[in-house]
């Protein structure tokens, strides 16, 4: 691999650390967003049926969903 002329090993390490932090942050943000969308869609469908949703979550996963209708 060809080195950049002005890049020191410290600068390379910092650049790799920044890329790693941004990658992990993006993965966490995506997981959080998709969890939010899953819960919101399930609750909206329940409300459309005239019910009241009961939702339990563990971390980012929906572990229990029940739609109570009268």
N, C-alpha and C. Protein backbone atom coordinates (compact mmCIF):
# COMPACT_ATOMS: atom_id res chain seq x y z
N UNK A 1 0.85 -1.17 0.00
CA UNK A 1 0.00 0.00 0.00
C UNK A 1 0.90 1.24 0.00
N UNK A 2 0.58 2.18 -0.84
CA UNK A 2 1.38 3.38 -0.97
C UNK A 2 1.01 4.38 0.11
N UNK A 3 1.99 4.91 0.78
CA UNK A 3 1.74 5.88 1.85
C UNK A 3 1.59 7.28 1.27
N UNK A 4 0.77 8.08 1.92
CA UNK A 4 0.67 9.48 1.54
C UNK A 4 1.94 10.19 2.02
N UNK A 5 2.45 11.12 1.25
CA UNK A 5 3.73 11.74 1.60
C UNK A 5 3.72 12.48 2.94
N UNK A 6 2.63 13.12 3.31
CA UNK A 6 2.61 13.90 4.54
C UNK A 6 1.94 13.21 5.70
N UNK A 7 1.51 11.96 5.55
CA UNK A 7 0.77 11.27 6.60
C UNK A 7 1.74 10.56 7.55
N UNK A 8 1.62 10.87 8.82
CA UNK A 8 2.42 10.20 9.84
C UNK A 8 1.62 9.01 10.37
N UNK A 9 2.26 8.08 11.03
CA UNK A 9 1.52 6.95 11.60
C UNK A 9 0.43 7.39 12.59
N UNK A 10 0.67 8.46 13.32
CA UNK A 10 -0.34 8.98 14.25
C UNK A 10 -1.57 9.50 13.52
N UNK A 11 -1.34 10.19 12.42
CA UNK A 11 -2.46 10.71 11.63
C UNK A 11 -3.28 9.57 11.04
N UNK A 12 -2.61 8.51 10.61
CA UNK A 12 -3.29 7.34 10.06
C UNK A 12 -4.14 6.67 11.12
N UNK A 13 -3.60 6.54 12.33
CA UNK A 13 -4.35 5.92 13.43
C UNK A 13 -5.58 6.76 13.77
N UNK A 14 -5.44 8.07 13.79
CA UNK A 14 -6.58 8.94 14.09
C UNK A 14 -7.63 8.83 13.00
N UNK A 15 -7.22 8.78 11.75
CA UNK A 15 -8.17 8.65 10.64
C UNK A 15 -8.92 7.33 10.73
N UNK A 16 -8.22 6.23 11.05
CA UNK A 16 -8.88 4.94 11.20
C UNK A 16 -9.83 4.93 12.39
N UNK A 17 -9.46 5.59 13.48
CA UNK A 17 -10.33 5.67 14.66
C UNK A 17 -11.60 6.45 14.33
N UNK A 18 -11.47 7.52 13.59
CA UNK A 18 -12.64 8.32 13.20
C UNK A 18 -13.57 7.49 12.31
N UNK A 19 -12.99 6.77 11.37
CA UNK A 19 -13.81 5.92 10.49
C UNK A 19 -14.53 4.85 11.30
N UNK A 20 -13.84 4.25 12.26
CA UNK A 20 -14.45 3.22 13.10
C UNK A 20 -15.60 3.79 13.93
N UNK A 21 -15.39 4.95 14.54
CA UNK A 21 -16.44 5.58 15.35
C UNK A 21 -17.65 5.93 14.49
N UNK A 22 -17.42 6.47 13.32
CA UNK A 22 -18.53 6.81 12.42
C UNK A 22 -19.28 5.57 11.96
N UNK A 23 -18.56 4.48 11.70
CA UNK A 23 -19.21 3.24 11.28
C UNK A 23 -20.08 2.66 12.40
N UNK A 24 -19.55 2.61 13.59
CA UNK A 24 -20.31 2.09 14.73
C UNK A 24 -21.52 2.99 15.01
N UNK A 25 -21.33 4.29 14.96
CA UNK A 25 -22.44 5.23 15.18
C UNK A 25 -23.53 5.06 14.14
N UNK A 26 -23.13 4.84 12.90
CA UNK A 26 -24.12 4.64 11.84
C UNK A 26 -24.91 3.35 12.05
N UNK A 27 -24.23 2.30 12.47
CA UNK A 27 -24.90 1.02 12.72
C UNK A 27 -25.90 1.15 13.89
N UNK A 28 -25.52 1.84 14.93
CA UNK A 28 -26.42 2.04 16.08
C UNK A 28 -27.62 2.89 15.67
N UNK A 29 -27.37 3.94 14.91
CA UNK A 29 -28.46 4.81 14.46
C UNK A 29 -29.44 4.05 13.57
N UNK A 30 -28.94 3.21 12.68
CA UNK A 30 -29.80 2.43 11.79
C UNK A 30 -30.65 1.44 12.60
N UNK A 31 -30.05 0.75 13.56
CA UNK A 31 -30.79 -0.20 14.38
C UNK A 31 -31.88 0.50 15.18
N UNK A 32 -31.55 1.64 15.74
CA UNK A 32 -32.53 2.41 16.50
C UNK A 32 -33.68 2.87 15.62
N UNK A 33 -33.37 3.34 14.43
CA UNK A 33 -34.41 3.81 13.51
C UNK A 33 -35.35 2.67 13.10
N UNK A 34 -34.79 1.52 12.73
CA UNK A 34 -35.64 0.42 12.30
C UNK A 34 -36.48 -0.14 13.44
N UNK A 35 -35.97 -0.09 14.66
CA UNK A 35 -36.75 -0.50 15.82
C UNK A 35 -37.93 0.45 16.02
N UNK A 36 -37.66 1.75 15.88
CA UNK A 36 -38.71 2.76 16.01
C UNK A 36 -39.79 2.55 14.95
N UNK A 37 -39.38 2.29 13.71
CA UNK A 37 -40.34 2.10 12.62
C UNK A 37 -41.19 0.86 12.87
N UNK A 38 -40.58 -0.22 13.35
CA UNK A 38 -41.32 -1.45 13.62
C UNK A 38 -42.41 -1.22 14.67
N UNK A 39 -42.06 -0.57 15.76
CA UNK A 39 -43.02 -0.32 16.84
C UNK A 39 -44.11 0.65 16.38
N UNK A 40 -43.72 1.69 15.67
CA UNK A 40 -44.69 2.69 15.21
C UNK A 40 -45.70 2.08 14.24
N UNK A 41 -45.22 1.26 13.30
CA UNK A 41 -46.14 0.64 12.34
C UNK A 41 -47.11 -0.32 13.04
N UNK A 42 -46.61 -1.11 13.97
CA UNK A 42 -47.48 -2.04 14.69
C UNK A 42 -48.52 -1.28 15.51
N UNK A 43 -48.11 -0.23 16.19
CA UNK A 43 -49.05 0.55 16.99
C UNK A 43 -50.07 1.26 16.10
N UNK A 44 -49.64 1.80 14.98
CA UNK A 44 -50.56 2.48 14.08
C UNK A 44 -51.62 1.52 13.52
N UNK A 45 -51.20 0.30 13.18
CA UNK A 45 -52.17 -0.69 12.69
C UNK A 45 -53.19 -1.02 13.78
N UNK A 46 -52.73 -1.10 15.01
CA UNK A 46 -53.64 -1.39 16.12
C UNK A 46 -54.62 -0.23 16.32
N UNK A 47 -54.12 1.00 16.28
CA UNK A 47 -54.99 2.16 16.43
C UNK A 47 -56.01 2.23 15.29
N UNK A 48 -55.59 1.84 14.08
CA UNK A 48 -56.51 1.84 12.94
C UNK A 48 -57.67 0.86 13.15
N UNK A 49 -57.42 -0.19 13.91
CA UNK A 49 -58.47 -1.16 14.22
C UNK A 49 -59.32 -0.73 15.42
N UNK A 50 -58.99 0.41 16.00
CA UNK A 50 -59.72 0.91 17.15
C UNK A 50 -59.25 0.32 18.47
N UNK A 51 -58.06 -0.20 18.48
CA UNK A 51 -57.54 -0.84 19.68
C UNK A 51 -56.49 -0.01 20.39
N UNK A 52 -55.99 -0.59 21.47
CA UNK A 52 -54.92 0.03 22.24
C UNK A 52 -53.76 -0.97 22.31
N UNK A 53 -52.58 -0.57 21.80
CA UNK A 53 -51.47 -1.52 21.76
C UNK A 53 -50.77 -1.69 23.11
N UNK A 54 -50.35 -2.92 23.38
CA UNK A 54 -49.51 -3.21 24.53
C UNK A 54 -48.18 -3.74 23.97
N UNK A 55 -47.12 -2.99 24.20
CA UNK A 55 -45.83 -3.30 23.59
C UNK A 55 -44.78 -3.45 24.67
N UNK A 56 -43.99 -4.51 24.59
CA UNK A 56 -42.84 -4.68 25.46
C UNK A 56 -41.60 -4.79 24.58
N UNK A 57 -40.55 -4.11 25.00
CA UNK A 57 -39.31 -4.14 24.24
C UNK A 57 -38.17 -4.54 25.16
N UNK A 58 -37.20 -5.20 24.58
CA UNK A 58 -35.96 -5.53 25.27
C UNK A 58 -34.84 -5.02 24.39
N UNK A 59 -34.19 -3.99 24.83
CA UNK A 59 -33.18 -3.37 23.97
C UNK A 59 -33.87 -2.74 22.78
N UNK A 60 -33.47 -3.19 21.60
CA UNK A 60 -34.09 -2.66 20.38
C UNK A 60 -35.10 -3.61 19.78
N UNK A 61 -35.36 -4.75 20.41
CA UNK A 61 -36.29 -5.72 19.86
C UNK A 61 -37.63 -5.65 20.57
N UNK A 62 -38.69 -5.76 19.78
CA UNK A 62 -40.04 -5.85 20.33
C UNK A 62 -40.24 -7.30 20.74
N UNK A 63 -40.41 -7.53 22.05
CA UNK A 63 -40.54 -8.90 22.55
C UNK A 63 -41.99 -9.34 22.69
N UNK A 64 -42.90 -8.39 22.83
CA UNK A 64 -44.31 -8.73 23.00
C UNK A 64 -45.16 -7.61 22.40
N UNK A 65 -46.18 -8.01 21.64
CA UNK A 65 -47.12 -7.03 21.10
C UNK A 65 -48.51 -7.63 21.19
N UNK A 66 -49.42 -6.85 21.71
CA UNK A 66 -50.82 -7.27 21.80
C UNK A 66 -51.69 -6.05 21.54
N UNK A 67 -52.72 -6.25 20.74
CA UNK A 67 -53.65 -5.17 20.42
C UNK A 67 -54.98 -5.44 21.14
N UNK A 68 -55.29 -4.60 22.11
CA UNK A 68 -56.51 -4.78 22.88
C UNK A 68 -57.65 -3.99 22.21
N UNK A 69 -58.66 -4.71 21.73
CA UNK A 69 -59.83 -4.07 21.14
C UNK A 69 -61.06 -4.43 21.96
N UNK A 70 -61.97 -3.52 22.01
CA UNK A 70 -63.21 -3.76 22.78
C UNK A 70 -64.38 -4.07 21.87
